[in-house]
Structure formats: C-alpha cells, structure tokens
Amino acid sequence: MPPETPDEGSGRRSGEGENRVPPALAVAVAVVTYTLLPDSLLIGPRLAIPAVEVLLLVSLVAVNPVRLVRQTRWSRYVSITLALVVIGANLGGLAMLVNTLGAPKEGAKGLLMGGVQVWLTNVIGYALLYWELDRGGPVSRHRERRDRLPPADWRFSQDENADTVREVAVGSSERSGWVPVFVDYLYMSITNSSAFSPTDTMPLSSRAKLLMASQATAALAVSLLIVARAVGSLGG
C-alpha cells in the first residue's frame, strides 16, 4: 500500500523549525579558518572581519537560539549579510593569493595551506547564502504552506522522487513533506566546488546559476592555479 500523501499545501517534515547548530558551527569554522590565514592574505587587521562575523552571528542566535522559528526583515537581512561578508572576505583573500603566485611570500607550504583554507571558506560561505536564499529561507521553508513559498532556486532529488520505488518515494517532498536543511546546501556547495558543476541538485533561477558559476570559478582558481603552483614548488 503506497504511503499517504500529506496535504500538498502544508506538508512538512518538521514543524519545529531547523536546528540552529549546523549553520552556527559552519560560521565558527569560517571564522577560525580566516584567522589562520597567512598575513599576506588578510584584509585589514587579523581579527576585524572575524569580529564582524561573530557579531552578526550572535545577533541571529539571539533571535533564534535553538530552532529557526522566527523571521523578520531585519534578521533575514543580517543572515544574508553574514554570508556575503564570509564570501567577500574570502574572495579578497583569493585575489591576493593569486597575486602572490609569481613569488609566494609564505613559501610553497604556506601557499598550499592558504589555498585549502580559501577553498574551505568558499564552500561554507556559498552554502550559507544558498541556504538563506532558496524558497524564502529556512524559516519560510518550515513554516509556510508550499503554495505560499517563493519559487525554488534549486531542485533537489527529493523533489522528483514521488513516482519511484516505495523505499525511495517515501522520503520525497510530495509524500513526506521533506524540505532541504543546511546540510543539504552544504553538500551541494561541496560538490559544486569539487566538480565545478551541479551534481544531483539543479539550479533553477538565474541568480542560482550565477552564484554557482561564481563559486565554481573561485574553486577552479584555487585548484588549478594555486594548488598546482604550490605542488610544483614542492617538487622543485
């Protein structure tokens, strides 16, 4: 007997709201990673940008300490700003890293470590932005009826599995009320930075395609230009 299909307008996996911990931990990792960058890759004082990121994160945690159940125009603006600060600072570091390729000030090992740190922060920053933009953000995805959500920016495999075999269809968006959470966007960001293209999650909107293209370009610069140069220096 096929699983029951929830009301298409209101079906949800959880009405409690998404857990705050995963995205908060991701921001913490981005903050620590930035503070460990070599001096030549920093924008301004070492702790300036991390302090801004921590301040923005604390303000968001104050609104939703455990579960993301409340959203205001201000909190959504702050959340998007936090993701953009992470991405912007990281792209600045990437630009300076590329600029040092001719004569790396930190040596081959420092260049390689800087490339890894920039790649990791790139993954986190874009994951945060994807998570906040898609279908109105994490609060809207869990609280709003599906027929009231903004158009999706990405199509996940769960969004099209309703007509497959039972053990797969039971977890589909249509039958279980599944909605993507931060870990899903983090996985998408990792695969986009590794394969330089979407894998099982397809961009639907123009902004989604442009964002994924910019992320893949940055990841490609790290992988082909910086890591290749550092490995070559180690071999020499």
C-alpha atoms as a PDB file:
ATOM      1  CA  MET A   1       0.000   0.000   0.000  1.00  0.00           C
ATOM      2  CA  PRO A   2       1.564   3.348  -1.023  1.00  0.00           C
ATOM      3  CA  PRO A   3       2.430   5.851   1.699  1.00  0.00           C
ATOM      4  CA  GLU A   4      -0.074   8.526   2.422  1.00  0.00           C
ATOM      5  CA  THR A   5       0.465  11.824   0.705  1.00  0.00           C
ATOM      6  CA  PRO A   6       0.321  14.829   3.028  1.00  0.00           C
ATOM      7  CA  ASP A   7      -1.699  17.865   2.150  1.00  0.00           C
ATOM      8  CA  GLU A   8       0.245  19.435  -0.724  1.00  0.00           C
ATOM      9  CA  GLY A   9      -0.210  22.912   0.696  1.00  0.00           C
ATOM     10  CA  SER A  10       1.026  22.302   4.223  1.00  0.00           C
ATOM     11  CA  GLY A  11       3.070  19.073   4.286  1.00  0.00           C
ATOM     12  CA  ARG A  12       6.369  19.413   6.155  1.00  0.00           C
ATOM     13  CA  ARG A  13       8.961  17.068   7.611  1.00  0.00           C
ATOM     14  CA  SER A  14       9.105  19.110  10.820  1.00  0.00           C
ATOM     15  CA  GLY A  15       7.066  21.997  12.146  1.00  0.00           C
ATOM     16  CA  GLU A  16       9.627  22.794  14.857  1.00  0.00           C
ATOM     17  CA  GLY A  17      11.963  24.734  12.647  1.00  0.00           C
ATOM     18  CA  GLU A  18      15.503  23.943  11.568  1.00  0.00           C
ATOM     19  CA  ASN A  19      18.224  23.418  14.169  1.00  0.00           C
ATOM     20  CA  ARG A  20      20.483  26.426  14.684  1.00  0.00           C
ATOM     21  CA  VAL A  21      23.626  24.379  15.461  1.00  0.00           C
ATOM     22  CA  PRO A  22      24.804  23.248  11.963  1.00  0.00           C
ATOM     23  CA  PRO A  23      24.891  26.714  10.323  1.00  0.00           C
ATOM     24  CA  ALA A  24      26.319  28.272  13.505  1.00  0.00           C
ATOM     25  CA  LEU A  25      29.128  25.692  13.560  1.00  0.00           C
ATOM     26  CA  ALA A  26      29.820  26.384   9.880  1.00  0.00           C
ATOM     27  CA  VAL A  27      30.207  30.098  10.613  1.00  0.00           C
ATOM     28  CA  ALA A  28      32.517  29.280  13.530  1.00  0.00           C
ATOM     29  CA  VAL A  29      34.706  27.170  11.231  1.00  0.00           C
ATOM     30  CA  ALA A  30      34.804  30.014   8.686  1.00  0.00           C
ATOM     31  CA  VAL A  31      35.820  32.466  11.420  1.00  0.00           C
ATOM     32  CA  VAL A  32      38.619  30.239  12.712  1.00  0.00           C
ATOM     33  CA  THR A  33      39.809  29.462   9.182  1.00  0.00           C
ATOM     34  CA  TYR A  34      40.047  33.143   8.308  1.00  0.00           C
ATOM     35  CA  THR A  35      42.019  33.970  11.442  1.00  0.00           C
ATOM     36  CA  LEU A  36      44.554  31.272  10.497  1.00  0.00           C
ATOM     37  CA  LEU A  37      45.244  32.698   7.030  1.00  0.00           C
ATOM     38  CA  PRO A  38      48.780  33.958   6.348  1.00  0.00           C
ATOM     39  CA  ASP A  39      49.286  37.703   6.942  1.00  0.00           C
ATOM     40  CA  SER A  40      49.620  38.370   3.203  1.00  0.00           C
ATOM     41  CA  LEU A  41      46.056  37.147   2.586  1.00  0.00           C
ATOM     42  CA  LEU A  42      44.280  39.183   5.272  1.00  0.00           C
ATOM     43  CA  ILE A  43      42.084  42.203   4.617  1.00  0.00           C
ATOM     44  CA  GLY A  44      42.894  44.702   7.355  1.00  0.00           C
ATOM     45  CA  PRO A  45      43.657  43.640  10.950  1.00  0.00           C
ATOM     46  CA  ARG A  46      43.517  39.885  11.539  1.00  0.00           C
ATOM     47  CA  LEU A  47      40.513  39.970  13.877  1.00  0.00           C
ATOM     48  CA  ALA A  48      38.496  42.727  12.162  1.00  0.00           C
ATOM     49  CA  ILE A  49      36.426  40.616   9.786  1.00  0.00           C
ATOM     50  CA  PRO A  50      36.048  37.675  12.234  1.00  0.00           C
ATOM     51  CA  ALA A  51      34.741  40.157  14.814  1.00  0.00           C
ATOM     52  CA  VAL A  52      32.095  41.402  12.358  1.00  0.00           C
ATOM     53  CA  GLU A  53      31.082  37.817  11.540  1.00  0.00           C
ATOM     54  CA  VAL A  54      30.812  36.868  15.218  1.00  0.00           C
ATOM     55  CA  LEU A  55      28.732  39.979  15.955  1.00  0.00           C
ATOM     56  CA  LEU A  56      26.308  39.164  13.131  1.00  0.00           C
ATOM     57  CA  LEU A  57      26.079  35.534  14.256  1.00  0.00           C
ATOM     58  CA  VAL A  58      25.380  36.487  17.867  1.00  0.00           C
ATOM     59  CA  SER A  59      22.563  38.788  16.780  1.00  0.00           C
ATOM     60  CA  LEU A  60      20.995  35.955  14.772  1.00  0.00           C
ATOM     61  CA  VAL A  61      21.350  33.465  17.620  1.00  0.00           C
ATOM     62  CA  ALA A  62      19.592  35.943  19.908  1.00  0.00           C
ATOM     63  CA  VAL A  63      16.545  35.869  17.602  1.00  0.00           C
ATOM     64  CA  ASN A  64      16.509  32.069  17.204  1.00  0.00           C
ATOM     65  CA  PRO A  65      18.713  30.435  19.864  1.00  0.00           C
ATOM     66  CA  VAL A  66      17.853  26.769  19.197  1.00  0.00           C
ATOM     67  CA  ARG A  67      15.306  26.436  16.382  1.00  0.00           C
ATOM     68  CA  LEU A  68      14.742  28.773  13.447  1.00  0.00           C
ATOM     69  CA  VAL A  69      11.116  29.656  14.072  1.00  0.00           C
ATOM     70  CA  ARG A  70      11.087  33.463  13.842  1.00  0.00           C
ATOM     71  CA  GLN A  71      11.996  35.641  10.915  1.00  0.00           C
ATOM     72  CA  THR A  72      11.868  39.384  10.423  1.00  0.00           C
ATOM     73  CA  ARG A  73      13.063  41.533   7.562  1.00  0.00           C
ATOM     74  CA  TRP A  74      15.948  42.605   9.801  1.00  0.00           C
ATOM     75  CA  SER A  75      17.020  39.058  10.734  1.00  0.00           C
ATOM     76  CA  ARG A  76      16.883  37.912   7.122  1.00  0.00           C
ATOM     77  CA  TYR A  77      18.965  40.910   6.050  1.00  0.00           C
ATOM     78  CA  VAL A  78      21.550  40.162   8.741  1.00  0.00           C
ATOM     79  CA  SER A  79      21.710  36.482   7.763  1.00  0.00           C
ATOM     80  CA  ILE A  80      22.314  37.292   4.097  1.00  0.00           C
ATOM     81  CA  THR A  81      24.858  39.961   5.073  1.00  0.00           C
ATOM     82  CA  LEU A  82      26.764  37.406   7.165  1.00  0.00           C
ATOM     83  CA  ALA A  83      27.025  35.036   4.200  1.00  0.00           C
ATOM     84  CA  LEU A  84      28.135  37.879   1.917  1.00  0.00           C
ATOM     85  CA  VAL A  85      30.806  39.007   4.403  1.00  0.00           C
ATOM     86  CA  VAL A  86      32.206  35.457   4.537  1.00  0.00           C
ATOM     87  CA  ILE A  87      32.204  35.208   0.737  1.00  0.00           C
ATOM     88  CA  GLY A  88      33.547  38.718   0.139  1.00  0.00           C
ATOM     89  CA  ALA A  89      36.438  38.400   2.576  1.00  0.00           C
ATOM     90  CA  ASN A  90      37.304  35.009   1.146  1.00  0.00           C
ATOM     91  CA  LEU A  91      37.282  36.240  -2.450  1.00  0.00           C
ATOM     92  CA  GLY A  92      39.544  39.095  -1.369  1.00  0.00           C
ATOM     93  CA  GLY A  93      41.928  36.558   0.124  1.00  0.00           C
ATOM     94  CA  LEU A  94      41.757  34.528  -3.078  1.00  0.00           C
ATOM     95  CA  ALA A  95      42.642  37.576  -5.169  1.00  0.00           C
ATOM     96  CA  MET A  96      45.677  38.281  -3.012  1.00  0.00           C
ATOM     97  CA  LEU A  97      46.639  34.620  -3.098  1.00  0.00           C
ATOM     98  CA  VAL A  98      46.566  34.586  -6.890  1.00  0.00           C
ATOM     99  CA  ASN A  99      48.628  37.783  -6.883  1.00  0.00           C
ATOM    100  CA  THR A 100      51.387  36.045  -4.918  1.00  0.00           C
ATOM    101  CA  LEU A 101      51.767  33.137  -7.338  1.00  0.00           C
ATOM    102  CA  GLY A 102      54.809  34.628  -9.039  1.00  0.00           C
ATOM    103  CA  ALA A 103      56.766  34.982  -5.806  1.00  0.00           C
ATOM    104  CA  PRO A 104      54.935  33.378  -2.874  1.00  0.00           C
ATOM    105  CA  LYS A 105      55.842  35.247   0.321  1.00  0.00           C
ATOM    106  CA  GLU A 106      54.767  32.344   2.505  1.00  0.00           C
ATOM    107  CA  GLY A 107      56.637  29.630   0.603  1.00  0.00           C
ATOM    108  CA  ALA A 108      55.133  26.619  -1.141  1.00  0.00           C
ATOM    109  CA  LYS A 109      53.702  25.065   2.022  1.00  0.00           C
ATOM    110  CA  GLY A 110      52.128  28.348   3.106  1.00  0.00           C
ATOM    111  CA  LEU A 111      50.651  28.811  -0.359  1.00  0.00           C
ATOM    112  CA  LEU A 112      49.189  25.322  -0.327  1.00  0.00           C
ATOM    113  CA  MET A 113      47.716  25.786   3.161  1.00  0.00           C
ATOM    114  CA  GLY A 114      46.271  29.146   2.146  1.00  0.00           C
ATOM    115  CA  GLY A 115      44.624  27.520  -0.878  1.00  0.00           C
ATOM    116  CA  VAL A 116      42.998  24.856   1.294  1.00  0.00           C
ATOM    117  CA  GLN A 117      41.711  27.472   3.738  1.00  0.00           C
ATOM    118  CA  VAL A 118      40.288  29.636   0.954  1.00  0.00           C
ATOM    119  CA  TRP A 119      38.595  26.610  -0.640  1.00  0.00           C
ATOM    120  CA  LEU A 120      37.016  25.565   2.666  1.00  0.00           C
ATOM    121  CA  THR A 121      35.727  29.053   3.420  1.00  0.00           C
ATOM    122  CA  ASN A 122      34.400  29.289  -0.133  1.00  0.00           C
ATOM    123  CA  VAL A 123      32.315  26.162   0.493  1.00  0.00           C
ATOM    124  CA  ILE A 124      30.920  27.487   3.776  1.00  0.00           C
ATOM    125  CA  GLY A 125      30.129  30.995   2.549  1.00  0.00           C
ATOM    126  CA  TYR A 126      28.192  29.876  -0.507  1.00  0.00           C
ATOM    127  CA  ALA A 127      26.389  27.151   1.461  1.00  0.00           C
ATOM    128  CA  LEU A 128      25.144  29.826   3.879  1.00  0.00           C
ATOM    129  CA  LEU A 129      23.957  32.025   1.021  1.00  0.00           C
ATOM    130  CA  TYR A 130      22.208  29.170  -0.816  1.00  0.00           C
ATOM    131  CA  TRP A 131      20.534  28.118   2.432  1.00  0.00           C
ATOM    132  CA  GLU A 132      19.254  31.617   3.099  1.00  0.00           C
ATOM    133  CA  LEU A 133      18.013  32.407  -0.418  1.00  0.00           C
ATOM    134  CA  ASP A 134      16.216  29.241  -1.527  1.00  0.00           C
ATOM    135  CA  ARG A 135      12.395  29.294  -1.170  1.00  0.00           C
ATOM    136  CA  GLY A 136      12.430  32.308   1.149  1.00  0.00           C
ATOM    137  CA  GLY A 137      14.978  30.978   3.651  1.00  0.00           C
ATOM    138  CA  PRO A 138      14.994  28.331   6.400  1.00  0.00           C
ATOM    139  CA  VAL A 139      12.109  29.776   8.413  1.00  0.00           C
ATOM    140  CA  SER A 140       9.797  30.065   5.405  1.00  0.00           C
ATOM    141  CA  ARG A 141      10.632  26.555   4.213  1.00  0.00           C
ATOM    142  CA  HIS A 142       9.445  25.068   7.505  1.00  0.00           C
ATOM    143  CA  ARG A 143       6.611  27.430   8.445  1.00  0.00           C
ATOM    144  CA  GLU A 144       4.877  28.478   5.228  1.00  0.00           C
ATOM    145  CA  ARG A 145       2.465  26.394   3.191  1.00  0.00           C
ATOM    146  CA  ARG A 146       4.034  25.152  -0.011  1.00  0.00           C
ATOM    147  CA  ASP A 147       1.582  27.110  -2.122  1.00  0.00           C
ATOM    148  CA  ARG A 148       2.772  30.297  -0.392  1.00  0.00           C
ATOM    149  CA  LEU A 149       6.509  29.724  -0.786  1.00  0.00           C
ATOM    150  CA  PRO A 150       8.518  31.749  -3.322  1.00  0.00           C
ATOM    151  CA  PRO A 151       9.682  29.824  -6.403  1.00  0.00           C
ATOM    152  CA  ALA A 152      12.543  27.432  -5.673  1.00  0.00           C
ATOM    153  CA  ASP A 153      16.077  28.355  -6.712  1.00  0.00           C
ATOM    154  CA  TRP A 154      17.246  24.722  -6.639  1.00  0.00           C
ATOM    155  CA  ARG A 155      15.621  21.354  -7.369  1.00  0.00           C
ATOM    156  CA  PHE A 156      16.738  18.544  -5.087  1.00  0.00           C
ATOM    157  CA  SER A 157      16.365  14.864  -5.928  1.00  0.00           C
ATOM    158  CA  GLN A 158      13.687  14.536  -3.209  1.00  0.00           C
ATOM    159  CA  ASP A 159      11.564  16.996  -5.187  1.00  0.00           C
ATOM    160  CA  GLU A 160      11.109  14.477  -8.010  1.00  0.00           C
ATOM    161  CA  ASN A 161      11.180  11.045  -6.332  1.00  0.00           C
ATOM    162  CA  ALA A 162       7.458  10.649  -5.646  1.00  0.00           C
ATOM    163  CA  ASP A 163       6.909   8.191  -8.515  1.00  0.00           C
ATOM    164  CA  THR A 164       9.884   5.891  -7.834  1.00  0.00           C
ATOM    165  CA  VAL A 165      10.028   2.682  -5.795  1.00  0.00           C
ATOM    166  CA  ARG A 166       8.378   2.830  -2.382  1.00  0.00           C
ATOM    167  CA  GLU A 167      11.509   2.938  -0.228  1.00  0.00           C
ATOM    168  CA  VAL A 168      12.742   5.947  -2.226  1.00  0.00           C
ATOM    169  CA  ALA A 169       9.371   7.645  -2.744  1.00  0.00           C
ATOM    170  CA  VAL A 170       8.596   7.583   0.989  1.00  0.00           C
ATOM    171  CA  GLY A 171      11.227  10.285   1.545  1.00  0.00           C
ATOM    172  CA  SER A 172      10.157  12.540  -1.318  1.00  0.00           C
ATOM    173  CA  SER A 173       8.975  16.111  -0.849  1.00  0.00           C
ATOM    174  CA  GLU A 174       5.484  15.290  -2.044  1.00  0.00           C
ATOM    175  CA  ARG A 175       4.886  12.266   0.190  1.00  0.00           C
ATOM    176  CA  SER A 176       6.838  13.076   3.353  1.00  0.00           C
ATOM    177  CA  GLY A 177       6.833  16.865   3.398  1.00  0.00           C
ATOM    178  CA  TRP A 178      10.638  16.881   3.114  1.00  0.00           C
ATOM    179  CA  VAL A 179      12.330  20.278   2.890  1.00  0.00           C
ATOM    180  CA  PRO A 180      16.069  20.976   2.493  1.00  0.00           C
ATOM    181  CA  VAL A 181      18.101  21.985   5.557  1.00  0.00           C
ATOM    182  CA  PHE A 182      21.567  23.495   5.889  1.00  0.00           C
ATOM    183  CA  VAL A 183      23.381  20.174   5.464  1.00  0.00           C
ATOM    184  CA  ASP A 184      21.747  19.740   2.045  1.00  0.00           C
ATOM    185  CA  TYR A 185      23.057  23.124   0.890  1.00  0.00           C
ATOM    186  CA  LEU A 186      26.467  22.397   2.383  1.00  0.00           C
ATOM    187  CA  TYR A 187      26.646  19.153   0.404  1.00  0.00           C
ATOM    188  CA  MET A 188      25.596  20.997  -2.750  1.00  0.00           C
ATOM    189  CA  SER A 189      28.287  23.615  -2.119  1.00  0.00           C
ATOM    190  CA  ILE A 190      30.962  20.949  -1.612  1.00  0.00           C
ATOM    191  CA  THR A 191      30.083  19.118  -4.826  1.00  0.00           C
ATOM    192  CA  ASN A 192      29.952  22.377  -6.789  1.00  0.00           C
ATOM    193  CA  SER A 193      33.402  23.336  -5.508  1.00  0.00           C
ATOM    194  CA  SER A 194      34.775  19.852  -6.218  1.00  0.00           C
ATOM    195  CA  ALA A 195      33.222  19.037  -9.593  1.00  0.00           C
ATOM    196  CA  PHE A 196      32.827  22.679 -10.710  1.00  0.00           C
ATOM    197  CA  SER A 197      29.244  21.921 -11.695  1.00  0.00           C
ATOM    198  CA  PRO A 198      25.975  20.810 -10.058  1.00  0.00           C
ATOM    199  CA  THR A 199      25.590  17.092  -9.443  1.00  0.00           C
ATOM    200  CA  ASP A 200      22.221  15.875  -8.138  1.00  0.00           C
ATOM    201  CA  THR A 201      20.873  19.366  -7.306  1.00  0.00           C
ATOM    202  CA  MET A 202      19.960  21.560 -10.247  1.00  0.00           C
ATOM    203  CA  PRO A 203      19.853  25.387 -10.248  1.00  0.00           C
ATOM    204  CA  LEU A 204      16.530  26.740 -11.497  1.00  0.00           C
ATOM    205  CA  SER A 205      16.720  30.533 -11.243  1.00  0.00           C
ATOM    206  CA  SER A 206      19.159  32.889 -12.932  1.00  0.00           C
ATOM    207  CA  ARG A 207      20.594  34.004  -9.601  1.00  0.00           C
ATOM    208  CA  ALA A 208      21.196  30.395  -8.567  1.00  0.00           C
ATOM    209  CA  LYS A 209      23.083  29.717 -11.794  1.00  0.00           C
ATOM    210  CA  LEU A 210      25.172  32.874 -11.442  1.00  0.00           C
ATOM    211  CA  LEU A 211      26.031  32.097  -7.820  1.00  0.00           C
ATOM    212  CA  MET A 212      27.046  28.529  -8.599  1.00  0.00           C
ATOM    213  CA  ALA A 213      29.098  29.744 -11.564  1.00  0.00           C
ATOM    214  CA  SER A 214      30.964  32.266  -9.400  1.00  0.00           C
ATOM    215  CA  GLN A 215      31.619  29.642  -6.731  1.00  0.00           C
ATOM    216  CA  ALA A 216      32.889  27.099  -9.255  1.00  0.00           C
ATOM    217  CA  THR A 217      35.156  29.730 -10.827  1.00  0.00           C
ATOM    218  CA  ALA A 218      36.686  30.583  -7.444  1.00  0.00           C
ATOM    219  CA  ALA A 219      37.159  26.895  -6.630  1.00  0.00           C
ATOM    220  CA  LEU A 220      38.747  26.333 -10.036  1.00  0.00           C
ATOM    221  CA  ALA A 221      41.207  29.152  -9.387  1.00  0.00           C
ATOM    222  CA  VAL A 222      42.198  27.550  -6.089  1.00  0.00           C
ATOM    223  CA  SER A 223      42.525  24.052  -7.525  1.00  0.00           C
ATOM    224  CA  LEU A 224      44.268  24.756 -10.830  1.00  0.00           C
ATOM    225  CA  LEU A 225      46.286  27.897 -10.174  1.00  0.00           C
ATOM    226  CA  ILE A 226      47.211  27.894  -6.508  1.00  0.00           C
ATOM    227  CA  VAL A 227      47.423  24.224  -5.571  1.00  0.00           C
ATOM    228  CA  ALA A 228      49.160  23.349  -8.841  1.00  0.00           C
ATOM    229  CA  ARG A 229      51.726  26.109  -8.265  1.00  0.00           C
ATOM    230  CA  ALA A 230      52.313  25.050  -4.677  1.00  0.00           C
ATOM    231  CA  VAL A 231      52.735  21.368  -5.587  1.00  0.00           C
ATOM    232  CA  GLY A 232      55.101  22.345  -8.367  1.00  0.00           C
ATOM    233  CA  SER A 233      57.191  24.369  -5.925  1.00  0.00           C
ATOM    234  CA  LEU A 234      57.310  21.437  -3.508  1.00  0.00           C
ATOM    235  CA  GLY A 235      58.542  19.204  -6.300  1.00  0.00           C
ATOM    236  CA  GLY A 236      61.247  21.704  -7.207  1.00  0.00           C
END
